[in-house]
Protein backbone atom coordinates (compact mmCIF):
# COMPACT_ATOMS: atom_id res chain seq x y z
CA MET A 1 81.26 -30.68 -15.89
CA ASP A 2 84.71 -32.29 -15.64
CA PHE A 3 88.15 -30.76 -15.99
CA ASP A 4 91.30 -32.69 -16.85
CA ILE A 5 94.61 -30.86 -16.46
CA THR A 6 96.45 -33.18 -18.88
CA SER A 7 93.86 -32.63 -21.61
CA PHE A 8 93.91 -28.90 -20.99
CA ASN A 9 97.72 -28.69 -21.24
CA GLU A 10 97.66 -30.69 -24.47
CA THR A 11 95.01 -28.38 -25.89
CA ILE A 12 97.03 -25.27 -25.02
CA LYS A 13 100.16 -26.81 -26.54
CA LYS A 14 98.28 -27.48 -29.77
CA LEU A 15 96.89 -23.96 -29.85
CA GLU A 16 100.34 -22.47 -29.27
CA GLY A 17 101.66 -24.60 -32.14
CA TYR A 18 98.88 -23.33 -34.42
CA VAL A 19 99.79 -19.75 -33.49
CA ASP A 20 103.38 -20.48 -34.58
CA ASP A 21 102.07 -21.92 -37.85
CA ILE A 22 100.07 -18.76 -38.56
CA GLY A 23 103.15 -16.68 -37.80
CA LYS A 24 105.14 -18.68 -40.36
CA GLN A 25 102.47 -18.13 -43.00
CA ILE A 26 102.59 -14.39 -42.31
CA SER A 27 106.39 -14.15 -42.43
CA THR A 28 107.24 -16.60 -45.22
CA GLY A 29 104.35 -18.68 -46.57
CA ILE A 30 102.20 -15.92 -48.05
CA PRO A 31 105.09 -13.66 -49.24
CA ASN A 32 106.72 -16.64 -50.98
CA ALA A 33 103.41 -17.56 -52.61
CA ARG A 34 102.98 -14.00 -53.84
CA SER A 35 106.48 -14.00 -55.34
CA ALA A 36 105.88 -17.38 -56.98
CA ALA A 37 102.56 -16.19 -58.43
CA LEU A 38 104.09 -13.03 -59.87
CA ASP A 39 106.85 -15.13 -61.49
CA VAL A 40 104.38 -17.37 -63.35
CA ASP A 41 104.69 -16.84 -67.10
CA GLY A 42 101.82 -14.89 -68.59
CA VAL A 43 100.24 -13.48 -65.42
CA ASP A 44 101.24 -9.98 -66.43
CA TRP A 45 99.42 -10.44 -69.75
CA VAL A 46 96.05 -10.81 -68.02
CA PRO A 47 94.60 -7.37 -67.25
CA GLY A 48 94.38 -6.75 -63.52
CA LEU A 49 95.74 -10.17 -62.49
CA VAL A 50 98.95 -8.81 -60.98
CA SER A 51 96.87 -6.45 -58.86
CA VAL A 52 94.62 -9.30 -57.75
CA ILE A 53 97.65 -11.40 -56.76
CA LYS A 54 99.05 -8.59 -54.65
CA LYS A 55 95.62 -7.84 -53.17
CA CYS A 56 95.10 -11.50 -52.33
CA ALA A 57 98.44 -11.75 -50.53
CA GLU A 58 97.82 -8.47 -48.72
CA LYS A 59 94.39 -9.58 -47.51
CA MET A 60 95.72 -12.99 -46.44
CA ILE A 61 98.42 -11.37 -44.33
CA GLU A 62 95.95 -8.89 -42.84
CA VAL A 63 93.47 -11.58 -41.79
CA CYS A 64 96.20 -13.93 -40.54
CA LYS A 65 97.58 -11.14 -38.38
CA TRP A 66 94.11 -10.50 -36.97
CA VAL A 67 93.64 -14.17 -36.11
CA TRP A 68 97.18 -14.39 -34.71
CA ASP A 69 96.59 -11.34 -32.46
CA LYS A 70 93.27 -12.65 -31.18
CA ILE A 71 94.58 -16.13 -30.34
CA VAL A 72 97.67 -14.67 -28.63
CA ASP A 73 95.40 -12.46 -26.49
CA ILE A 74 93.21 -15.43 -25.64
CA LEU A 75 96.25 -17.49 -24.64
CA LYS A 76 97.21 -14.84 -22.08
CA SER A 77 94.40 -16.13 -19.88
CA ALA A 78 95.24 -19.81 -20.33
CA TRP A 79 96.40 -20.01 -16.69
CA ALA A 80 92.92 -19.25 -15.39
CA PRO A 81 91.16 -22.65 -15.82
CA VAL A 82 94.00 -24.55 -14.13
CA THR A 83 94.09 -22.04 -11.26
CA MET A 84 90.33 -22.27 -10.81
CA PHE A 85 90.49 -26.05 -10.77
CA THR A 86 93.24 -26.18 -8.14
CA ARG A 87 91.38 -23.62 -6.02
CA ALA A 88 88.26 -25.78 -6.35
CA LEU A 89 90.17 -28.68 -4.80
CA ASP A 90 91.06 -26.44 -1.87
CA TRP A 91 87.39 -25.56 -1.41
CA TYR A 92 86.44 -29.23 -1.55
CA ASP A 93 88.92 -29.72 1.31
CA VAL A 94 87.13 -26.96 3.21
CA LYS A 95 83.85 -28.73 2.57
CA GLY A 96 85.25 -32.05 3.80
CA THR A 97 86.69 -30.57 6.97
CA ALA A 98 83.58 -28.55 7.79
CA SER A 99 81.33 -31.54 7.07
CA GLY A 100 83.42 -33.58 9.51
CA VAL A 101 82.98 -30.90 12.17
CA GLN A 102 79.26 -30.77 11.44
CA GLY A 103 78.92 -34.51 11.92
CA THR A 104 81.06 -34.57 15.04
CA LEU A 105 79.00 -31.80 16.68
CA ASP A 106 75.67 -33.28 15.68
CA PRO A 107 73.78 -33.70 19.00
CA ASN A 108 72.68 -37.13 17.84
CA ASN A 109 76.33 -38.19 17.78
CA LEU A 110 77.32 -36.75 21.16
CA GLU A 111 77.22 -39.34 23.93
CA ALA A 112 77.32 -36.74 26.71
CA ILE A 113 74.02 -35.22 25.60
CA ARG A 114 72.34 -38.61 25.75
CA LEU A 115 73.71 -39.35 29.24
CA TRP A 116 73.62 -35.98 31.00
CA LYS A 117 70.59 -34.32 32.50
CA GLY A 118 70.33 -30.80 33.79
CA ALA A 119 71.94 -27.43 32.98
CA ALA A 120 75.08 -28.89 31.38
CA GLN A 121 73.04 -31.06 29.05
CA VAL A 122 70.88 -28.11 27.98
CA SER A 123 73.91 -25.86 27.39
CA TYR A 124 75.77 -28.60 25.54
CA MET A 125 72.74 -29.37 23.36
CA ARG A 126 72.16 -25.70 22.51
CA THR A 127 75.79 -24.99 21.69
CA ALA A 128 76.40 -28.22 19.77
CA THR A 129 73.26 -27.71 17.70
CA THR A 130 74.13 -24.16 16.67
CA GLN A 131 77.78 -24.92 16.03
CA SER A 132 76.93 -28.03 14.00
CA ALA A 133 74.59 -25.91 11.87
CA ALA A 134 77.28 -23.25 11.49
CA ALA A 135 79.81 -25.86 10.36
CA GLY A 136 77.23 -27.13 7.89
CA LYS A 137 76.90 -23.62 6.50
CA VAL A 138 80.66 -23.45 5.96
CA ALA A 139 80.57 -26.85 4.25
CA ASP A 140 77.76 -25.72 1.97
CA ALA A 141 79.67 -22.57 1.00
CA GLY A 142 82.77 -24.65 0.27
CA ASP A 143 80.76 -27.04 -1.89
CA LYS A 144 79.07 -24.28 -3.89
CA THR A 145 82.30 -22.36 -4.39
CA ALA A 146 84.12 -25.47 -5.57
CA LEU A 147 81.30 -26.31 -7.98
CA VAL A 148 81.37 -22.82 -9.51
CA LEU A 149 85.15 -23.00 -9.95
CA VAL A 150 85.08 -26.49 -11.49
CA THR A 151 82.30 -25.45 -13.88
CA ALA A 152 84.29 -22.39 -14.95
CA ALA A 153 87.47 -24.45 -15.39
CA ALA A 154 85.67 -27.07 -17.49
CA SER A 155 84.10 -24.35 -19.60
CA GLY A 156 87.57 -22.90 -20.10
CA LEU A 157 88.78 -26.26 -21.39
CA THR A 158 85.85 -26.41 -23.81
CA PHE A 159 86.55 -22.84 -24.94
CA TYR A 160 90.24 -23.43 -25.64
CA ALA A 161 89.51 -26.74 -27.37
CA GLY A 162 87.07 -24.84 -29.58
CA MET A 163 89.71 -22.20 -30.30
CA ALA A 164 92.19 -24.92 -31.25
CA LEU A 165 89.71 -26.47 -33.69
CA ILE A 166 88.81 -23.10 -35.23
CA THR A 167 92.49 -22.22 -35.64
CA TYR A 168 93.37 -25.61 -37.11
CA GLN A 169 90.58 -25.33 -39.69
CA PHE A 170 91.67 -21.80 -40.54
CA ILE A 171 95.27 -22.89 -41.10
CA ALA A 172 94.19 -25.83 -43.28
CA ALA A 173 92.07 -23.52 -45.44
CA CYS A 174 94.83 -20.92 -45.53
CA VAL A 175 97.44 -23.45 -46.74
CA ALA A 176 95.10 -24.64 -49.50
CA GLU A 177 94.44 -21.08 -50.63
CA ILE A 178 98.15 -20.22 -50.54
CA GLY A 179 98.74 -23.16 -52.84
CA LEU A 180 96.10 -21.81 -55.19
CA LEU A 181 97.69 -18.36 -55.04
CA CYS A 182 101.03 -19.82 -56.10
CA THR A 183 99.55 -20.77 -59.48
CA GLY A 184 99.12 -17.09 -60.27
CA PHE A 185 96.06 -17.60 -62.42
CA GLY A 186 94.19 -19.06 -59.45
CA ALA A 187 94.59 -15.86 -57.44
CA PRO A 188 91.03 -14.58 -57.99
CA LEU A 189 89.57 -17.88 -56.81
CA SER A 190 92.05 -18.00 -53.94
CA LEU A 191 91.03 -14.52 -52.80
CA ALA A 192 87.31 -15.30 -52.93
CA SER A 193 87.76 -18.59 -51.07
CA PHE A 194 90.02 -17.04 -48.46
CA LEU A 195 87.62 -14.18 -47.75
CA ALA A 196 84.81 -16.69 -47.28
CA ASP A 197 86.88 -18.78 -44.87
CA ALA A 198 88.09 -15.67 -43.07
CA GLY A 199 84.49 -14.60 -42.47
CA ILE A 200 83.65 -18.00 -41.03
CA THR A 201 86.74 -17.95 -38.80
CA THR A 202 86.11 -14.43 -37.57
CA ALA A 203 82.49 -15.23 -36.74
CA ALA A 204 83.51 -18.43 -34.97
CA ILE A 205 86.10 -16.65 -32.82
CA TRP A 206 83.72 -13.87 -31.85
CA GLY A 207 80.98 -16.41 -31.15
CA ALA A 208 83.25 -18.44 -28.86
CA VAL A 209 84.44 -15.31 -27.06
CA ALA A 210 80.86 -14.13 -26.58
CA GLY A 211 79.90 -17.56 -25.26
CA ILE A 212 82.69 -17.69 -22.67
CA ALA A 213 81.93 -14.07 -21.67
CA THR A 214 78.31 -15.04 -21.01
CA LEU A 215 79.42 -18.02 -18.92
CA VAL A 216 81.88 -15.93 -16.92
CA GLY A 217 79.09 -13.45 -16.25
CA GLY A 218 76.95 -16.29 -14.97
CA GLN A 219 79.74 -17.50 -12.72
CA ALA A 220 80.18 -13.99 -11.37
CA THR A 221 76.48 -13.97 -10.48
CA ALA A 222 76.90 -17.34 -8.77
CA PHE A 223 79.82 -16.01 -6.73
CA ALA A 224 77.75 -12.99 -5.74
CA ASN A 225 75.01 -15.33 -4.50
CA ILE A 226 77.56 -17.36 -2.53
CA ASN A 227 78.96 -14.17 -1.02
CA SER A 228 75.46 -13.12 -0.02
CA THR A 229 74.93 -16.50 1.63
CA VAL A 230 78.13 -16.44 3.67
CA SER A 231 77.55 -12.81 4.62
CA ASP A 232 74.31 -13.84 6.31
CA ASN A 233 75.47 -14.86 9.79
CA SER A 234 71.99 -15.64 11.13
CA GLY A 235 72.88 -19.32 11.29
CA PHE A 236 75.89 -18.74 13.54
CA PRO A 237 75.81 -18.80 17.35
CA GLN A 238 75.43 -15.56 19.27
CA GLY A 239 78.14 -14.62 21.71
CA ALA A 240 78.04 -12.70 24.99
CA ASP A 241 78.55 -9.45 23.07
CA GLY A 242 75.25 -9.97 21.27
CA LYS A 243 76.96 -10.35 17.88
CA LYS A 244 76.73 -13.36 15.60
CA HIS A 245 79.96 -15.28 15.42
CA TRP A 246 81.38 -18.77 15.82
CA PRO A 247 82.46 -20.58 17.93
CA GLU A 248 80.44 -19.40 20.88
CA SER A 249 81.99 -18.16 24.12
CA PHE A 250 82.47 -21.06 26.51
CA ALA A 251 82.09 -18.79 29.55
CA ASN A 252 78.71 -17.63 28.34
CA SER A 253 77.50 -21.07 27.33
CA PHE A 254 78.67 -23.10 30.28
CA GLY A 255 78.39 -20.78 33.23
CA ASP A 256 76.38 -23.59 34.78
CA ALA A 257 77.81 -27.02 33.97
CA SER A 258 75.95 -28.97 36.64
CA VAL A 259 74.55 -32.42 35.90
CA ASP A 260 71.42 -33.61 37.69
CA GLY A 261 71.81 -36.87 39.62
CA ASP A 262 75.59 -36.57 39.84
CA LYS A 263 76.69 -35.22 43.23
CA GLU A 264 80.22 -34.62 41.89
CA SER A 265 79.19 -32.42 38.92
CA LYS A 266 77.94 -29.21 40.48
CA TRP A 267 80.44 -26.85 38.82
CA ARG A 268 79.26 -23.29 38.28
CA LEU A 269 81.07 -20.16 37.13
CA ASN A 270 79.85 -18.17 40.19
C-alpha cells in the first residue's frame, strides 16, 4: 500500500472544512430554517405541523452535533499516519545501512578470507559469517517494521478519505433537507428523509471506525511478532562472557591471528 503526504494533507483539509460546514448548519442553518418554516403562512392551521417542524429542527441539530463530535475526535489522531510514514523512512534507512554491512561482511566478498590460510583465516571466516548474519537480521527487522508502518499509514489515508466522503454526503443531504424544512409544509418529509440519511451516516462512521480498529489490531500483532523476532538473539555472535551479543569481542576472536605460509604473520595474543 502507498502513502502520499500531499494527498493526505489535502484530505485532512477537506475534512476540517466539512466539520466547519456542519458547525455552521448547527449554529445558523438549521435554526434559520426552523424560523423560516414557522413563519410560512398556514403552517399553524395544520394540526401538529408546528410540532413536527420543531421536532425536525431539534433532531437535525442533535444528529449534526453527534457527527460533528465524532469527526472532531477522529481528527485528533490525524497526525498518526504522517508520523508512521516518516518513521517508516527511518526504518528503511536502517534496513539499507544494515544490508550494506551484511554485504560487506559476507565471507564471499572478503578478499582476506580467500587469500589467508591458517588460524587467522578461520577466525575471520567465523566472525565475518556470524556478524554478516546478524547484520542481515537487523536489516530484516528494519524492513518488516517499515512495511508495517507504511501499511498503517496508507490505511490511515484510506480511512480519512472515507470519512471525508461520508461527511460530504451527509452535508449534501442535510442541506437538501434543510431546504425542504424551510417550506414548512415539507417538514414531515424532511424529518423522515433526514432520519434515513442520519442512519446511513451513523452506520458508515461506525463501520469505518470498526474497520480501522481491526487493522490497527492487526498491526499491533505484527509489531509483536517483530519484537519477538528481534528479541531472539540466537543469530548473533557469542562473546567471551558466553552471552549473545554483537559485535563479537576481537580479543576472543583473534587471539591467534597467524597466517600459514607467511613468516611475518605469526601474531598471537599470548
